[in-house]
Amino acid sequence: MIITRDGKAVAQLVPLPRPRLSSAALIEQWRNVPVVDLNALRADLTEVMDADL
């Protein structure tokens, strides 16, 4: 994002890099992910998507 003053660029905002997660932290996060009911997911997608595409 460019910050301007009187139409001239004076600054730029950039996101800070995220800290890297350890493999242990990633595994811990994945343990908390809910189980996906694939049949319910397919039914929901079929309901909202046009199968003719």
C-alpha atoms as a PDB file:
ATOM      1  CA  MET A   1       0.000   0.000   0.000  1.00  0.00           C
ATOM      2  CA  ILE A   2       1.419   3.348  -0.998  1.00  0.00           C
ATOM      3  CA  ILE A   3       0.812   6.359   1.252  1.00  0.00           C
ATOM      4  CA  THR A   4       0.565   9.661  -0.599  1.00  0.00           C
ATOM      5  CA  ARG A   5       0.639  13.309   0.356  1.00  0.00           C
ATOM      6  CA  ASP A   6      -0.598  15.827  -2.170  1.00  0.00           C
ATOM      7  CA  GLY A   7      -0.609  13.061  -4.774  1.00  0.00           C
ATOM      8  CA  LYS A   8       3.057  12.113  -4.234  1.00  0.00           C
ATOM      9  CA  ALA A   9       4.192   8.836  -2.744  1.00  0.00           C
ATOM     10  CA  VAL A  10       5.735   9.368   0.700  1.00  0.00           C
ATOM     11  CA  ALA A  11       5.692   5.883   2.228  1.00  0.00           C
ATOM     12  CA  GLN A  12       4.938   2.258   1.551  1.00  0.00           C
ATOM     13  CA  LEU A  13       3.292  -0.155   3.985  1.00  0.00           C
ATOM     14  CA  VAL A  14       4.317  -3.798   3.713  1.00  0.00           C
ATOM     15  CA  PRO A  15       3.263  -6.698   5.947  1.00  0.00           C
ATOM     16  CA  LEU A  16       5.753  -7.988   8.468  1.00  0.00           C
ATOM     17  CA  PRO A  17       6.924 -11.540   7.842  1.00  0.00           C
ATOM     18  CA  ARG A  18       5.222 -14.148   9.984  1.00  0.00           C
ATOM     19  CA  PRO A  19       7.423 -16.128  12.324  1.00  0.00           C
ATOM     20  CA  ARG A  20       8.061 -19.672  11.149  1.00  0.00           C
ATOM     21  CA  LEU A  21       6.334 -22.441  13.037  1.00  0.00           C
ATOM     22  CA  SER A  22       8.172 -25.492  14.253  1.00  0.00           C
ATOM     23  CA  SER A  23       7.063 -28.908  13.049  1.00  0.00           C
ATOM     24  CA  ALA A  24       5.778 -29.645  16.561  1.00  0.00           C
ATOM     25  CA  ALA A  25       3.619 -26.498  16.480  1.00  0.00           C
ATOM     26  CA  LEU A  26       2.222 -27.421  13.042  1.00  0.00           C
ATOM     27  CA  ILE A  27       1.360 -30.934  14.202  1.00  0.00           C
ATOM     28  CA  GLU A  28      -0.365 -29.508  17.265  1.00  0.00           C
ATOM     29  CA  GLN A  29      -2.457 -27.196  15.065  1.00  0.00           C
ATOM     30  CA  TRP A  30      -3.459 -30.092  12.788  1.00  0.00           C
ATOM     31  CA  ARG A  31      -4.651 -32.089  15.799  1.00  0.00           C
ATOM     32  CA  ASN A  32      -7.326 -29.458  16.382  1.00  0.00           C
ATOM     33  CA  VAL A  33      -8.660 -29.465  12.808  1.00  0.00           C
ATOM     34  CA  PRO A  34     -12.195 -30.877  12.721  1.00  0.00           C
ATOM     35  CA  VAL A  35     -12.944 -34.016  10.739  1.00  0.00           C
ATOM     36  CA  VAL A  36     -14.632 -33.281   7.406  1.00  0.00           C
ATOM     37  CA  ASP A  37     -17.695 -35.318   6.464  1.00  0.00           C
ATOM     38  CA  LEU A  38     -16.956 -35.845   2.766  1.00  0.00           C
ATOM     39  CA  ASN A  39     -20.494 -36.894   1.895  1.00  0.00           C
ATOM     40  CA  ALA A  40     -21.932 -33.748   3.485  1.00  0.00           C
ATOM     41  CA  LEU A  41     -19.295 -31.616   1.735  1.00  0.00           C
ATOM     42  CA  ARG A  42     -20.158 -33.131  -1.655  1.00  0.00           C
ATOM     43  CA  ALA A  43     -23.855 -32.609  -1.020  1.00  0.00           C
ATOM     44  CA  ASP A  44     -23.260 -28.968  -0.085  1.00  0.00           C
ATOM     45  CA  LEU A  45     -21.110 -28.365  -3.157  1.00  0.00           C
ATOM     46  CA  THR A  46     -23.616 -30.059  -5.441  1.00  0.00           C
ATOM     47  CA  GLU A  47     -26.308 -27.828  -4.006  1.00  0.00           C
ATOM     48  CA  VAL A  48     -24.509 -24.580  -4.782  1.00  0.00           C
ATOM     49  CA  MET A  49     -22.558 -25.412  -7.950  1.00  0.00           C
ATOM     50  CA  ASP A  50     -23.765 -25.915 -11.486  1.00  0.00           C
ATOM     51  CA  ALA A  51     -22.696 -29.427 -12.550  1.00  0.00           C
ATOM     52  CA  ASP A  52     -23.013 -28.444 -16.232  1.00  0.00           C
ATOM     53  CA  LEU A  53     -19.907 -26.247 -16.083  1.00  0.00           C
END
